[in-house]
């Protein structure tokens, strides 16, 4: 049977929308995560919230967890997506909740008498009290314990009536612990925002809540990102269908290095290779498509295609200007911020999935986000048109025999920099030096290559840019010049970095703001390391 016939027969594909289903989609095996949720939270009768960034696998996790639990429990799994009207009044909330949960209970083998009693509408006053009594009757009469799962609670989390609903669940949870009531074994909420702490309302301009009835919930500490070995489980499944000869372990590492295991990004890059990259003549051979060069092509397509994840990022940065400024300072100025979750900007960045903690410092959570954000900031800047126009006009001159002539890129950047910015205020230029070079570089590699900033070397005095262009990597170090001794140290650091990337040549771009220096570009062979460093001082 031909490979394409196998694919058509099984009908499996990569999925990035709604719930992933094992029989229909190539997906990471998350059974280990589900095992931990069951043993650490479900078995212990805890209430908890899975609050993670958008498109981080929350719905799929609930689906797999629900499937695991249905044998021993009655699982009620509902969503508040599009259900904002339920919380207009107590009557609407109570009867809407009864309706949603009844639809789920009909899918179980619960007693028809119990179900009929549960679905009776509540019309009299004291609706919340009656809902509490109805939950007690349901949980007392059922022959198995009940577990309530609610997805998309963000949609209603800023409604006062939703807080009243949480208050009912909290009161019954406490009374159950004292053997004074019966209620759900577990209540699991899924959201982007931390429902346990409603100090910041979803709409930042709105009135803030300072207390939440959900303070009884247990912390959810299970890492939902995908480790390389977990990513490999999805690739093994795909490879078994197609037999392309993919180096699964290497490709899993590529995915992890760029995405840090962000579920949507992992699946989306694979989907792009499967649906788009393999249709290109250069990558029609499946083995080449599922290689580093095919991966880089997929990343390029991802970053140039509109998607809801990036749309949300644009929206959130507009809504939270302090977060926007913090990210800009981290990426473009090399500033460091302690990972302090009490800081509102950092708290927002964590909730949206933009930040991670690395050795106590706040870092952008993955390389894909960094690349997207750099492109966004390049497009925003007021000097963008000048530098972009210069490099665009000379774009063809930078490509020699199908390869990027980085020596010439550096020479022309220096020439345009001297012409456009030599008389500028030094403080302005120092703050924007990195962005000036990226603005010049982007049109040259646009459509063919990618670039990213190596986070390990990014600070206020040093930045390493890695350019991937047609299967070759170019390492460019940007530094603020602080004297010859410091410069020599920088050359040694770049040589070490070239070793790590297996490269023989690197480029050093030094911005001198404190003293005049011969700015003529030069090459230098460092025999002690066997590397060639092309240096330009501006």
Protein backbone atom coordinates (compact mmCIF):
# COMPACT_ATOMS: atom_id res chain seq x y z
CA UNK A 1 0.00 0.00 0.00
CA UNK A 2 1.32 3.48 -0.93
CA UNK A 3 2.16 5.92 1.85
CA UNK A 4 -0.54 8.38 0.80
CA UNK A 5 -3.08 5.53 0.74
CA UNK A 6 -2.17 4.65 4.32
CA UNK A 7 -2.70 8.25 5.36
CA UNK A 8 -6.05 8.38 3.59
CA UNK A 9 -7.09 5.08 5.13
CA UNK A 10 -6.38 6.15 8.70
CA UNK A 11 -7.43 9.75 8.11
CA UNK A 12 -5.18 11.07 10.87
CA UNK A 13 -3.81 14.59 10.79
CA UNK A 14 -2.20 17.19 13.02
CA UNK A 15 -4.77 19.27 14.87
CA UNK A 16 -4.53 22.75 16.41
CA UNK A 17 -8.20 23.55 16.98
CA UNK A 18 -10.52 22.38 19.76
CA UNK A 19 -9.95 18.94 21.24
CA UNK A 20 -7.39 16.44 19.96
CA UNK A 21 -8.77 12.91 19.55
CA UNK A 22 -6.28 10.01 19.47
CA UNK A 23 -8.15 8.09 16.77
CA UNK A 24 -8.24 11.10 14.44
CA UNK A 25 -5.21 13.20 15.27
CA UNK A 26 -1.49 12.83 15.70
CA UNK A 27 -0.99 13.96 19.26
CA UNK A 28 1.50 13.85 22.07
CA UNK A 29 0.95 11.08 24.59
CA UNK A 30 -0.10 12.96 27.74
CA UNK A 31 -1.04 9.86 29.72
CA UNK A 32 1.76 10.58 32.20
CA UNK A 33 0.31 14.01 32.94
CA UNK A 34 -3.18 12.55 33.31
CA UNK A 35 -1.81 9.92 35.69
CA UNK A 36 -0.39 12.66 37.89
CA UNK A 37 -3.64 14.64 37.88
CA UNK A 38 -5.53 11.54 38.97
CA UNK A 39 -3.12 10.48 41.71
CA UNK A 40 -2.23 13.92 43.07
CA UNK A 41 -5.56 15.74 42.74
CA UNK A 42 -8.53 13.56 41.82
CA UNK A 43 -7.84 10.76 44.29
CA UNK A 44 -7.31 13.34 47.01
CA UNK A 45 -10.75 14.93 46.43
CA UNK A 46 -9.23 18.33 45.60
CA UNK A 47 -10.89 21.16 43.73
CA UNK A 48 -8.49 22.91 41.34
CA UNK A 49 -8.11 25.11 38.27
CA UNK A 50 -6.05 24.32 35.20
CA UNK A 51 -5.07 27.87 34.39
CA UNK A 52 -2.67 28.01 31.47
CA UNK A 53 -2.11 30.25 28.46
CA UNK A 54 -4.42 30.19 25.48
CA UNK A 55 -4.14 27.11 23.24
CA UNK A 56 -2.04 25.31 25.83
CA UNK A 57 -3.93 22.02 25.71
CA UNK A 58 -6.40 22.65 28.53
CA UNK A 59 -9.43 21.34 26.63
CA UNK A 60 -7.58 18.27 25.37
CA UNK A 61 -6.35 17.56 28.90
CA UNK A 62 -9.92 17.72 30.21
CA UNK A 63 -11.02 15.38 27.44
CA UNK A 64 -8.36 12.76 28.19
CA UNK A 65 -8.94 13.11 31.94
CA UNK A 66 -12.68 12.71 31.46
CA UNK A 67 -12.17 9.56 29.40
CA UNK A 68 -9.95 8.13 32.14
CA UNK A 69 -12.46 8.85 34.92
CA UNK A 70 -15.76 7.80 33.34
CA UNK A 71 -15.36 4.15 34.33
CA UNK A 72 -15.49 4.89 38.05
CA UNK A 73 -17.32 8.23 38.23
CA UNK A 74 -20.11 10.22 36.65
CA UNK A 75 -18.25 12.99 34.87
CA UNK A 76 -20.11 16.19 34.04
CA UNK A 77 -18.03 18.15 31.52
CA UNK A 78 -19.44 21.48 30.38
CA UNK A 79 -18.11 24.75 28.94
CA UNK A 80 -18.99 28.38 29.55
CA UNK A 81 -17.99 29.28 25.98
CA UNK A 82 -20.79 31.53 24.72
CA UNK A 83 -22.62 31.21 28.04
CA UNK A 84 -22.15 34.75 29.34
CA UNK A 85 -25.93 35.33 29.45
CA UNK A 86 -26.28 32.61 32.07
CA UNK A 87 -24.95 34.94 34.73
CA UNK A 88 -27.28 37.87 34.20
CA UNK A 89 -29.43 36.80 37.16
CA UNK A 90 -29.57 34.07 39.80
CA UNK A 91 -32.54 32.45 38.04
CA UNK A 92 -30.74 32.38 34.67
CA UNK A 93 -27.57 31.05 36.26
CA UNK A 94 -29.25 28.26 38.22
CA UNK A 95 -31.47 27.01 35.40
CA UNK A 96 -28.74 27.38 32.82
CA UNK A 97 -26.39 25.29 34.94
CA UNK A 98 -29.09 22.64 35.43
CA UNK A 99 -29.67 22.53 31.67
CA UNK A 100 -25.99 22.20 30.72
CA UNK A 101 -25.27 19.52 33.30
CA UNK A 102 -28.44 17.56 32.50
CA UNK A 103 -27.30 17.25 28.88
CA UNK A 104 -24.11 15.63 30.11
CA UNK A 105 -25.84 13.35 32.64
CA UNK A 106 -28.08 11.98 29.87
CA UNK A 107 -24.93 10.50 28.31
CA UNK A 108 -24.34 8.41 31.44
CA UNK A 109 -26.24 5.49 32.94
CA UNK A 110 -27.37 7.48 35.96
CA UNK A 111 -30.86 6.63 37.22
CA UNK A 112 -33.64 8.22 35.17
CA UNK A 113 -35.46 9.20 38.38
CA UNK A 114 -32.42 11.05 39.68
CA UNK A 115 -31.96 12.76 36.31
CA UNK A 116 -35.63 13.78 36.18
CA UNK A 117 -35.40 15.33 39.63
CA UNK A 118 -32.18 17.16 38.70
CA UNK A 119 -33.60 18.76 35.56
CA UNK A 120 -36.70 20.26 37.15
CA UNK A 121 -36.51 24.05 36.70
CA UNK A 122 -36.20 26.26 39.76
CA UNK A 123 -38.62 29.15 39.66
CA UNK A 124 -39.03 30.34 43.23
CA UNK A 125 -36.90 32.82 45.18
CA UNK A 126 -33.74 31.64 46.93
CA UNK A 127 -32.53 30.01 43.71
CA UNK A 128 -28.96 29.65 44.98
CA UNK A 129 -30.12 27.87 48.12
CA UNK A 130 -32.22 25.50 46.04
CA UNK A 131 -29.31 24.83 43.68
CA UNK A 132 -27.19 23.85 46.67
CA UNK A 133 -29.92 21.48 47.85
CA UNK A 134 -30.28 20.03 44.35
CA UNK A 135 -26.52 19.28 44.21
CA UNK A 136 -26.78 17.52 47.58
CA UNK A 137 -29.69 15.38 46.36
CA UNK A 138 -27.86 14.46 43.18
CA UNK A 139 -24.64 13.46 44.91
CA UNK A 140 -26.46 11.58 47.66
CA UNK A 141 -28.74 9.62 45.32
CA UNK A 142 -26.24 8.66 42.61
CA UNK A 143 -24.58 5.25 42.81
CA UNK A 144 -21.19 6.73 41.86
CA UNK A 145 -19.40 9.90 42.86
CA UNK A 146 -19.69 12.87 40.51
CA UNK A 147 -16.93 15.05 39.08
CA UNK A 148 -17.69 18.47 37.60
CA UNK A 149 -15.44 19.93 34.89
CA UNK A 150 -16.05 23.43 33.50
CA UNK A 151 -14.04 24.73 30.56
CA UNK A 152 -13.68 28.37 29.44
CA UNK A 153 -14.61 29.87 32.81
CA UNK A 154 -12.76 33.04 31.75
CA UNK A 155 -15.87 33.98 29.80
CA UNK A 156 -17.77 34.60 33.03
CA UNK A 157 -15.11 35.07 35.68
CA UNK A 158 -15.72 38.81 36.01
CA UNK A 159 -19.45 38.38 36.65
CA UNK A 160 -20.71 38.82 40.20
CA UNK A 161 -23.14 35.93 39.77
CA UNK A 162 -20.27 33.65 38.80
CA UNK A 163 -18.62 34.50 42.12
CA UNK A 164 -21.88 33.56 43.85
CA UNK A 165 -21.81 30.23 42.01
CA UNK A 166 -18.23 29.62 43.19
CA UNK A 167 -19.37 30.55 46.67
CA UNK A 168 -21.91 27.70 46.62
CA UNK A 169 -19.24 25.20 45.57
CA UNK A 170 -16.85 26.51 48.20
CA UNK A 171 -19.42 26.31 51.01
CA UNK A 172 -20.38 22.76 50.12
CA UNK A 173 -16.70 21.75 49.84
CA UNK A 174 -16.02 23.01 53.37
CA UNK A 175 -19.18 21.44 54.80
CA UNK A 176 -18.34 18.11 53.15
CA UNK A 177 -14.97 18.10 54.93
CA UNK A 178 -16.92 18.42 58.19
CA UNK A 179 -19.31 15.59 57.16
CA UNK A 180 -22.21 18.03 57.05
CA UNK A 181 -23.00 17.93 53.32
CA UNK A 182 -22.63 15.93 50.10
CA UNK A 183 -21.27 17.47 46.91
CA UNK A 184 -19.08 16.82 43.88
CA UNK A 185 -15.99 14.73 44.52
CA UNK A 186 -13.93 17.17 42.41
CA UNK A 187 -14.62 20.44 40.67
CA UNK A 188 -12.15 21.30 37.91
CA UNK A 189 -12.13 24.68 36.20
CA UNK A 190 -10.12 25.46 33.06
CA UNK A 191 -9.11 29.04 32.28
CA UNK A 192 -6.36 31.36 31.14
CA UNK A 193 -6.70 33.57 34.18
CA UNK A 194 -6.14 32.50 37.76
CA UNK A 195 -9.67 32.20 39.15
CA UNK A 196 -8.16 31.57 42.57
CA UNK A 197 -6.97 35.18 42.69
CA UNK A 198 -9.29 37.71 41.11
CA UNK A 199 -7.35 40.85 42.07
CA UNK A 200 -7.00 41.71 38.37
CA UNK A 201 -10.18 41.71 36.37
CA UNK A 202 -10.10 40.34 32.80
CA UNK A 203 -10.83 43.82 31.49
CA UNK A 204 -8.03 45.89 33.03
CA UNK A 205 -10.04 49.10 32.98
CA UNK A 206 -12.84 47.55 35.05
CA UNK A 207 -13.35 47.44 38.80
CA UNK A 208 -11.10 44.91 40.51
CA UNK A 209 -12.23 42.07 42.73
CA UNK A 210 -10.03 41.49 45.74
CA UNK A 211 -11.51 38.26 47.06
CA UNK A 212 -12.41 34.99 45.41
CA UNK A 213 -14.49 32.13 46.81
CA UNK A 214 -12.13 29.81 44.93
CA UNK A 215 -9.39 30.14 47.54
CA UNK A 216 -10.13 26.57 48.61
CA UNK A 217 -8.66 25.25 45.35
CA UNK A 218 -5.42 23.25 45.34
CA UNK A 219 -2.52 24.60 43.28
CA UNK A 220 -2.13 22.94 39.89
CA UNK A 221 1.64 22.40 39.54
CA UNK A 222 1.73 19.88 36.70
CA UNK A 223 3.84 21.02 33.73
CA UNK A 224 1.61 20.94 30.65
CA UNK A 225 4.36 21.81 28.18
CA UNK A 226 5.74 18.96 26.08
CA UNK A 227 9.23 17.63 26.81
CA UNK A 228 11.29 16.37 23.83
CA UNK A 229 10.61 12.74 24.70
CA UNK A 230 6.87 13.48 24.83
CA UNK A 231 6.98 15.23 21.45
CA UNK A 232 8.68 12.13 20.07
CA UNK A 233 5.58 10.02 20.84
CA UNK A 234 3.59 12.06 18.32
CA UNK A 235 6.33 11.87 15.71
CA UNK A 236 6.68 8.10 16.13
CA UNK A 237 2.96 7.75 15.39
CA UNK A 238 3.30 9.87 12.26
CA UNK A 239 6.45 8.09 11.10
CA UNK A 240 4.80 4.69 11.48
CA UNK A 241 2.18 5.79 8.94
CA UNK A 242 4.51 7.45 6.44
CA UNK A 243 7.97 5.86 6.76
CA UNK A 244 9.84 9.01 5.69
CA UNK A 245 12.99 8.10 7.60
CA UNK A 246 12.66 11.04 9.98
CA UNK A 247 15.30 11.43 12.68
CA UNK A 248 12.66 11.59 15.39
CA UNK A 249 14.91 12.38 18.32
CA UNK A 250 16.67 15.25 16.50
CA UNK A 251 13.42 16.65 15.19
CA UNK A 252 11.87 16.51 18.65
CA UNK A 253 14.78 18.59 19.92
CA UNK A 254 14.30 21.15 17.12
CA UNK A 255 10.67 21.51 18.11
CA UNK A 256 11.49 21.87 21.78
CA UNK A 257 14.34 24.35 21.24
CA UNK A 258 12.02 26.70 19.35
CA UNK A 259 8.74 26.18 21.22
CA UNK A 260 9.79 25.16 24.76
CA UNK A 261 7.03 22.58 24.40
CA UNK A 262 4.15 25.06 23.94
CA UNK A 263 1.45 22.59 22.76
CA UNK A 264 -0.09 24.72 20.01
CA UNK A 265 3.26 25.66 18.51
CA UNK A 266 4.48 22.05 18.52
CA UNK A 267 1.43 20.78 16.66
CA UNK A 268 1.17 23.79 14.36
CA UNK A 269 4.74 23.48 13.06
CA UNK A 270 4.15 19.77 12.35
CA UNK A 271 0.88 20.62 10.63
CA UNK A 272 2.59 23.21 8.42
CA UNK A 273 5.26 20.72 7.34
CA UNK A 274 2.64 18.06 6.59
CA UNK A 275 0.24 20.37 4.73
CA UNK A 276 2.41 23.06 3.19
CA UNK A 277 6.15 22.40 3.24
CA UNK A 278 5.83 18.95 1.65
CA UNK A 279 3.93 20.49 -1.26
CA UNK A 280 6.94 22.62 -2.18
CA UNK A 281 9.18 21.07 -4.81
CA UNK A 282 12.31 21.48 -2.72
CA UNK A 283 10.76 19.46 0.11
CA UNK A 284 8.69 16.92 -1.80
CA UNK A 285 10.99 14.24 -0.37
CA UNK A 286 9.46 13.55 3.03
CA UNK A 287 12.80 12.97 4.71
CA UNK A 288 14.01 16.43 3.67
CA UNK A 289 10.75 18.04 4.73
CA UNK A 290 11.12 16.53 8.19
CA UNK A 291 14.70 17.76 8.56
CA UNK A 292 16.24 20.93 9.95
CA UNK A 293 15.84 22.77 6.64
CA UNK A 294 12.17 21.76 6.36
CA UNK A 295 11.67 22.77 9.96
CA UNK A 296 13.14 26.23 9.29
CA UNK A 297 10.82 26.62 6.31
CA UNK A 298 7.83 25.76 8.51
CA UNK A 299 8.90 28.32 11.11
CA UNK A 300 9.09 30.95 8.38
CA UNK A 301 5.56 30.12 7.25
CA UNK A 302 4.28 30.14 10.84
CA UNK A 303 5.68 33.60 11.53
CA UNK A 304 4.26 35.04 8.31
CA UNK A 305 0.75 33.59 8.74
CA UNK A 306 -2.01 35.13 10.83
CA UNK A 307 -3.21 32.97 13.71
CA UNK A 308 -5.31 33.48 16.82
CA UNK A 309 -2.33 33.00 19.13
CA UNK A 310 -0.43 35.93 17.60
CA UNK A 311 -3.63 37.98 17.30
CA UNK A 312 -4.15 37.53 21.04
CA UNK A 313 -0.57 38.60 21.67
CA UNK A 314 -1.08 41.83 19.73
CA UNK A 315 -4.32 42.50 21.60
CA UNK A 316 -2.84 41.78 25.02
CA UNK A 317 0.18 44.02 24.46
CA UNK A 318 -2.18 46.85 23.48
CA UNK A 319 -4.28 46.27 26.62
CA UNK A 320 -1.26 46.02 28.94
CA UNK A 321 1.26 48.74 27.97
CA UNK A 322 3.49 48.01 30.98
CA UNK A 323 3.83 44.42 29.81
CA UNK A 324 4.61 45.64 26.29
CA UNK A 325 7.35 47.94 27.58
CA UNK A 326 8.84 45.21 29.78
CA UNK A 327 9.05 42.79 26.84
CA UNK A 328 10.60 45.47 24.65
CA UNK A 329 13.22 46.25 27.29
CA UNK A 330 14.08 42.55 27.72
CA UNK A 331 14.45 41.90 24.00
CA UNK A 332 15.94 45.11 22.64
CA UNK A 333 17.82 46.63 25.57
CA UNK A 334 18.96 43.46 27.32
CA UNK A 335 17.39 44.57 30.59
CA UNK A 336 16.81 41.98 33.30
CA UNK A 337 13.78 41.80 35.58
CA UNK A 338 13.61 39.55 38.64
CA UNK A 339 10.92 36.90 38.31
CA UNK A 340 8.59 38.52 40.82
CA UNK A 341 5.02 37.32 40.46
CA UNK A 342 3.69 40.20 42.54
CA UNK A 343 4.59 42.58 39.69
CA UNK A 344 1.37 43.13 37.67
CA UNK A 345 3.19 43.15 34.30
CA UNK A 346 5.04 39.91 35.08
CA UNK A 347 1.84 38.36 36.42
CA UNK A 348 0.08 39.17 33.14
CA UNK A 349 3.00 37.83 31.11
CA UNK A 350 2.90 34.55 33.03
CA UNK A 351 -0.86 34.14 32.57
CA UNK A 352 -0.60 34.75 28.83
CA UNK A 353 2.31 32.32 28.52
CA UNK A 354 4.85 34.94 27.44
CA UNK A 355 7.23 34.68 30.41
CA UNK A 356 9.15 31.92 32.12
CA UNK A 357 11.51 31.80 35.06
CA UNK A 358 15.15 31.13 34.30
CA UNK A 359 17.49 31.29 37.28
CA UNK A 360 15.33 33.94 38.92
CA UNK A 361 15.12 36.18 35.85
CA UNK A 362 12.08 36.89 33.68
CA UNK A 363 12.59 35.49 30.18
CA UNK A 364 10.42 35.20 27.06
CA UNK A 365 8.94 31.72 27.21
CA UNK A 366 10.03 30.40 23.81
CA UNK A 367 12.03 31.26 20.71
CA UNK A 368 9.01 31.43 18.40
CA UNK A 369 7.47 34.17 20.55
CA UNK A 370 10.80 36.01 20.56
CA UNK A 371 11.04 35.89 16.77
CA UNK A 372 7.48 37.12 16.35
CA UNK A 373 7.99 39.92 18.88
CA UNK A 374 11.24 41.07 17.29
CA UNK A 375 9.51 41.27 13.90
CA UNK A 376 6.66 43.22 15.49
CA UNK A 377 8.97 45.73 17.15
CA UNK A 378 10.99 46.14 13.96
CA UNK A 379 7.81 47.06 12.08
CA UNK A 380 6.74 49.54 14.78
CA UNK A 381 9.81 51.74 14.89
CA UNK A 382 9.81 55.24 13.45
CA UNK A 383 13.18 54.72 11.76
CA UNK A 384 11.95 51.49 10.13
CA UNK A 385 11.34 53.00 6.68
CA UNK A 386 14.86 54.46 6.30
CA UNK A 387 16.79 51.27 7.04
CA UNK A 388 14.29 48.99 5.33
CA UNK A 389 14.38 51.03 2.15
CA UNK A 390 18.17 50.96 2.01
CA UNK A 391 18.48 47.18 2.38
CA UNK A 392 15.50 46.46 0.12
CA UNK A 393 17.03 48.38 -2.76
CA UNK A 394 20.24 46.36 -2.50
CA UNK A 395 18.64 43.02 -1.62
CA UNK A 396 19.86 41.13 -4.70
CA UNK A 397 23.45 42.27 -4.14
CA UNK A 398 23.60 40.45 -0.81
CA UNK A 399 23.06 37.03 -2.39
CA UNK A 400 26.06 35.46 -4.12
CA UNK A 401 25.78 31.97 -5.67
CA UNK A 402 22.63 31.31 -3.69
CA UNK A 403 24.29 32.16 -0.37
CA UNK A 404 24.04 35.17 1.88
CA UNK A 405 27.13 37.40 1.69
CA UNK A 406 27.24 38.43 5.31
CA UNK A 407 30.48 40.40 4.88
CA UNK A 408 28.69 42.66 2.43
CA UNK A 409 25.63 42.91 4.67
CA UNK A 410 27.83 44.21 7.49
CA UNK A 411 29.69 46.63 5.19
CA UNK A 412 26.50 48.14 3.77
CA UNK A 413 24.85 48.38 7.18
CA UNK A 414 27.88 50.31 8.43
CA UNK A 415 27.76 52.65 5.46
CA UNK A 416 24.07 53.44 5.89
CA UNK A 417 24.42 53.68 9.66
CA UNK A 418 27.24 56.24 9.33
CA UNK A 419 25.20 58.25 6.84
CA UNK A 420 21.86 58.19 8.69
CA UNK A 421 22.82 58.11 12.37
CA UNK A 422 26.36 59.38 12.88
CA UNK A 423 24.99 62.76 13.97
CA UNK A 424 22.21 61.32 16.13
CA UNK A 425 22.14 61.61 19.87
CA UNK A 426 24.29 58.74 21.17
CA UNK A 427 21.83 57.84 23.87
CA UNK A 428 19.16 57.28 21.22
CA UNK A 429 21.46 55.17 19.05
CA UNK A 430 22.78 53.08 21.95
CA UNK A 431 19.25 52.23 23.05
CA UNK A 432 18.22 51.26 19.52
CA UNK A 433 21.45 49.85 18.06
CA UNK A 434 20.26 46.24 17.98
CA UNK A 435 16.93 47.20 16.48
CA UNK A 436 18.65 49.26 13.78
CA UNK A 437 20.59 46.22 12.59
CA UNK A 438 17.55 43.93 12.68
CA UNK A 439 15.58 46.51 10.71
CA UNK A 440 18.30 46.46 8.05
CA UNK A 441 18.63 42.65 8.07
CA UNK A 442 14.98 41.65 7.89
CA UNK A 443 14.21 42.66 4.25
CA UNK A 444 17.38 40.89 3.08
CA UNK A 445 16.40 37.46 4.44
CA UNK A 446 12.64 37.95 4.29
CA UNK A 447 10.83 35.11 2.55
CA UNK A 448 13.84 32.77 2.67
CA UNK A 449 15.61 32.93 6.03
CA UNK A 450 14.88 33.34 9.73
CA UNK A 451 16.75 34.97 12.57
CA UNK A 452 16.58 34.72 16.32
CA UNK A 453 18.42 36.17 19.28
CA UNK A 454 20.36 33.80 21.50
CA UNK A 455 18.90 34.48 24.94
CA UNK A 456 21.96 33.15 26.79
CA UNK A 457 24.09 36.02 25.48
CA UNK A 458 21.58 38.84 25.43
CA UNK A 459 22.29 41.62 27.90
CA UNK A 460 22.82 45.36 27.80
CA UNK A 461 26.30 45.01 26.31
CA UNK A 462 26.06 41.91 24.14
CA UNK A 463 23.63 40.22 21.77
CA UNK A 464 24.16 37.23 19.50
CA UNK A 465 21.98 36.97 16.41
CA UNK A 466 21.67 33.61 14.66
CA UNK A 467 20.57 33.77 11.01
CA UNK A 468 19.31 30.62 9.27
CA UNK A 469 19.46 31.05 5.49
CA UNK A 470 19.08 28.16 3.03
CA UNK A 471 20.47 25.60 5.44
CA UNK A 472 23.43 27.69 6.64
CA UNK A 473 23.80 29.51 9.92
CA UNK A 474 25.44 32.89 10.40
CA UNK A 475 26.42 34.03 13.90
CA UNK A 476 26.61 37.81 14.39
CA UNK A 477 27.55 39.31 17.72
CA UNK A 478 26.48 42.87 18.51
CA UNK A 479 28.41 44.59 21.28
CA UNK A 480 28.78 47.98 22.85
CA UNK A 481 32.47 48.89 22.57
CA UNK A 482 34.19 49.42 25.94
CA UNK A 483 37.89 49.34 25.01
CA UNK A 484 40.38 46.97 23.37
CA UNK A 485 40.69 44.54 26.29
CA UNK A 486 36.95 44.13 26.53
CA UNK A 487 36.79 43.78 22.75
CA UNK A 488 39.34 40.97 22.75
CA UNK A 489 37.31 39.15 25.38
CA UNK A 490 34.27 39.48 23.16
CA UNK A 491 36.14 37.90 20.26
CA UNK A 492 37.05 34.94 22.44
CA UNK A 493 33.43 34.59 23.55
CA UNK A 494 32.28 34.61 19.94
CA UNK A 495 34.84 31.92 19.05
CA UNK A 496 33.44 29.72 21.81
CA UNK A 497 29.93 30.33 20.56
CA UNK A 498 30.97 29.41 17.00
CA UNK A 499 32.32 26.13 18.38
CA UNK A 500 28.95 25.40 19.95
CA UNK A 501 27.26 25.91 16.58
CA UNK A 502 29.93 24.13 14.55
CA UNK A 503 30.77 27.26 12.54
CA UNK A 504 34.15 28.47 11.31
CA UNK A 505 33.32 32.13 10.74
CA UNK A 506 31.49 34.76 12.75
CA UNK A 507 30.76 38.46 12.54
CA UNK A 508 31.31 41.07 15.23
CA UNK A 509 29.49 44.38 15.04
CA UNK A 510 30.70 46.85 17.66
CA UNK A 511 28.94 50.11 18.46
CA UNK A 512 31.37 52.66 19.87
CA UNK A 513 29.74 55.54 21.72
CA UNK A 514 32.52 56.82 23.97
CA UNK A 515 35.58 57.41 21.82
CA UNK A 516 36.58 57.71 18.21
CA UNK A 517 37.83 54.54 16.63
CA UNK A 518 38.79 53.46 13.16
CA UNK A 519 35.50 52.12 11.89
CA UNK A 520 36.86 50.35 8.81
CA UNK A 521 35.57 46.80 8.60
CA UNK A 522 38.30 44.20 8.89
CA UNK A 523 38.80 40.46 9.01
CA UNK A 524 41.01 38.70 11.48
CA UNK A 525 42.11 35.08 11.73
CA UNK A 526 42.49 33.88 15.30
CA UNK A 527 44.92 31.00 14.99
CA UNK A 528 44.48 29.88 18.56
CA UNK A 529 40.89 28.91 17.80
CA UNK A 530 41.00 28.44 14.06
CA UNK A 531 38.13 30.88 13.57
CA UNK A 532 37.68 33.87 11.29
CA UNK A 533 36.00 36.86 12.87
CA UNK A 534 34.81 39.65 10.59
CA UNK A 535 34.64 42.78 12.69
CA UNK A 536 33.09 46.14 11.99
CA UNK A 537 33.26 49.03 14.43
CA UNK A 538 30.76 51.86 14.12
